[in-house]
Protein backbone atom coordinates (compact mmCIF):
# COMPACT_ATOMS: atom_id res chain seq x y z
CA UNK A 1 -53.62 9.29 -2.22
CA UNK A 2 -51.74 12.14 -0.56
CA UNK A 3 -50.70 9.86 2.35
CA UNK A 4 -49.37 7.27 -0.12
CA UNK A 5 -47.17 9.88 -1.85
CA UNK A 6 -45.90 11.15 1.49
CA UNK A 7 -45.19 7.58 2.64
CA UNK A 8 -43.31 6.81 -0.62
CA UNK A 9 -41.34 10.04 -0.38
CA UNK A 10 -40.37 9.24 3.23
CA UNK A 11 -39.02 5.79 2.35
CA UNK A 12 -37.25 7.05 -0.77
CA UNK A 13 -35.53 9.73 1.34
CA UNK A 14 -34.60 7.18 3.99
CA UNK A 15 -33.14 4.89 1.30
CA UNK A 16 -31.10 7.74 -0.20
CA UNK A 17 -29.71 8.69 3.22
CA UNK A 18 -28.66 5.09 3.76
CA UNK A 19 -26.79 5.03 0.44
CA UNK A 20 -25.07 8.34 1.08
CA UNK A 21 -23.88 7.31 4.54
CA UNK A 22 -22.18 4.13 3.29
CA UNK A 23 -18.49 4.65 2.55
CA UNK A 24 -16.59 1.65 1.20
CA UNK A 25 -13.11 3.13 1.73
CA UNK A 26 -13.39 4.51 5.26
CA UNK A 27 -9.66 4.81 6.05
CA UNK A 28 -10.08 7.76 8.43
CA UNK A 29 -10.82 5.41 11.32
CA UNK A 30 -7.69 3.28 10.82
CA UNK A 31 -4.22 4.17 12.11
CA UNK A 32 -1.26 4.10 9.75
CA UNK A 33 -0.07 0.94 11.47
CA UNK A 34 -3.43 -0.73 10.85
CA UNK A 35 -3.43 0.38 7.21
CA UNK A 36 0.13 -0.85 6.64
CA UNK A 37 -0.22 -4.18 8.46
CA UNK A 38 -3.67 -5.14 7.20
CA UNK A 39 -2.34 -7.80 4.80
CA UNK A 40 0.24 -8.52 2.12
CA UNK A 41 0.91 -5.90 -0.55
CA UNK A 42 1.54 -6.87 -4.19
CA UNK A 43 3.37 -4.67 -6.70
CA UNK A 44 1.24 -2.92 -9.30
CA UNK A 45 3.50 -0.29 -10.89
CA UNK A 46 7.14 0.79 -10.82
CA UNK A 47 7.95 4.49 -11.19
CA UNK A 48 11.38 6.06 -11.69
CA UNK A 49 12.07 9.80 -11.97
CA UNK A 50 8.34 10.52 -12.27
CA UNK A 51 7.81 8.06 -15.13
CA UNK A 52 5.85 4.83 -15.13
CA UNK A 53 8.53 2.27 -16.00
CA UNK A 54 6.41 -0.84 -15.42
CA UNK A 55 6.33 -1.98 -19.05
CA UNK A 56 9.92 -0.91 -19.85
CA UNK A 57 11.40 -2.83 -16.91
CA UNK A 58 9.64 -6.02 -18.04
CA UNK A 59 12.24 -6.13 -20.86
CA UNK A 60 14.91 -6.48 -18.15
CA UNK A 61 13.06 -9.15 -16.21
CA UNK A 62 11.72 -6.82 -13.50
CA UNK A 63 7.94 -6.92 -13.10
CA UNK A 64 5.92 -5.06 -10.49
CA UNK A 65 3.66 -8.01 -9.72
CA UNK A 66 6.62 -10.19 -8.69
CA UNK A 67 7.12 -7.95 -5.62
CA UNK A 68 5.28 -8.69 -2.38
CA UNK A 69 5.67 -6.74 0.87
CA UNK A 70 4.28 -7.87 4.19
CA UNK A 71 4.48 -5.67 7.29
CA UNK A 72 3.39 -7.22 10.60
CA UNK A 73 2.10 -5.48 13.73
CA UNK A 74 4.94 -7.08 15.74
CA UNK A 75 7.42 -4.91 13.79
CA UNK A 76 8.66 -7.59 11.38
CA UNK A 77 8.54 -7.38 7.58
CA UNK A 78 9.28 -9.50 4.53
CA UNK A 79 10.04 -8.44 0.95
CA UNK A 80 9.56 -11.21 -1.60
CA UNK A 81 10.21 -11.47 -5.31
CA UNK A 82 8.20 -14.16 -7.07
CA UNK A 83 7.55 -15.76 -3.68
CA UNK A 84 11.25 -15.94 -2.74
CA UNK A 85 12.29 -13.94 0.33
CA UNK A 86 14.68 -11.18 -0.76
CA UNK A 87 14.84 -9.32 2.54
CA UNK A 88 13.30 -9.57 6.00
CA UNK A 89 13.81 -8.01 9.38
CA UNK A 90 12.32 -5.28 11.57
CA UNK A 91 10.46 -2.14 10.53
CA UNK A 92 9.29 1.04 12.25
CA UNK A 93 7.76 4.36 11.27
CA UNK A 94 10.08 7.38 11.20
CA UNK A 95 9.82 11.07 10.33
CA UNK A 96 6.36 11.43 11.86
CA UNK A 97 5.02 8.26 10.19
CA UNK A 98 5.99 9.61 6.74
CA UNK A 99 8.75 7.03 6.27
CA UNK A 100 9.34 3.40 7.07
CA UNK A 101 12.79 2.47 8.36
CA UNK A 102 13.80 -1.16 8.01
CA UNK A 103 16.55 -2.87 10.00
CA UNK A 104 17.45 0.33 11.86
CA UNK A 105 21.01 0.46 13.15
CA UNK A 106 22.25 -2.38 10.94
CA UNK A 107 24.18 -2.44 7.67
CA UNK A 108 20.88 -3.36 5.96
CA UNK A 109 19.07 -0.20 7.16
CA UNK A 110 16.83 1.37 4.51
CA UNK A 111 14.30 4.20 4.52
CA UNK A 112 11.21 4.16 2.35
CA UNK A 113 9.20 7.34 1.92
CA UNK A 114 5.44 6.78 2.12
CA UNK A 115 3.94 8.70 -0.80
CA UNK A 116 0.45 7.18 -0.34
CA UNK A 117 -1.13 4.83 2.20
CA UNK A 118 -4.77 3.69 2.16
CA UNK A 119 -6.36 0.33 2.92
CA UNK A 120 -5.92 -0.67 -0.73
CA UNK A 121 -2.88 1.31 -1.97
CA UNK A 122 0.70 1.79 -0.77
CA UNK A 123 3.25 3.89 -2.66
CA UNK A 124 6.81 3.55 -1.30
CA UNK A 125 9.90 5.30 -2.64
CA UNK A 126 13.45 4.19 -1.90
CA UNK A 127 16.03 1.51 -2.70
CA UNK A 128 14.48 -1.90 -3.39
CA UNK A 129 16.19 -5.26 -3.88
CA UNK A 130 15.90 -6.71 -7.38
CA UNK A 131 16.35 -10.28 -8.52
CA UNK A 132 20.13 -10.25 -9.06
CA UNK A 133 20.94 -9.20 -5.49
CA UNK A 134 21.41 -5.50 -6.27
CA UNK A 135 19.18 -2.56 -5.36
CA UNK A 136 17.39 0.01 -7.49
CA UNK A 137 15.96 3.43 -6.54
CA UNK A 138 12.27 3.56 -7.46
CA UNK A 139 8.74 4.15 -6.30
CA UNK A 140 6.78 0.93 -5.99
CA UNK A 141 3.02 1.28 -6.13
CA UNK A 142 1.40 -1.67 -4.40
CA UNK A 143 -2.17 -2.85 -4.03
CA UNK A 144 -4.05 -5.23 -1.82
C-alpha cells in the first residue's frame, strides 16, 4: 500500500509541475516587431484625457470596433475604419521601440506612443484619423 501512495504522489506532483510550467501568454520570447506584426488589431476602447470615452463617442458615430490596424514585417501598415482604408504607408519603431512613427519624413508623418504591447493587446496614443477625414488625439486600446 505504501508503494501505491508513493506512486500516486509522484504522478500527482509530475502533473502539477506540468500545469505550472505552461504559460499561455509567453510574450517574453517575442520581439516587439513580432508582437506588433502578428496579425490585425481591432479597436476595443477609446480613451481621452485618462477617461474611457468608448460609449460617449458612440453618440458621435465613432466606435472603437470600427478601427483596424495592421502592421506588417516589411514596414508597411494600414489603418481602416469599418473596413475602408483611412491611411496606409510605412512604419518604424522610434524612441527605443517606445513609439511607432508612420510615414516618416512626409507631410503625413505621425507618432504613436506605445503604452502597452503584448500578443493580445496594443495601446497606442496619438492622433488618429476619424471617419470625416479629420484627426483626433486619443489612446486606442486594441485587441487581437
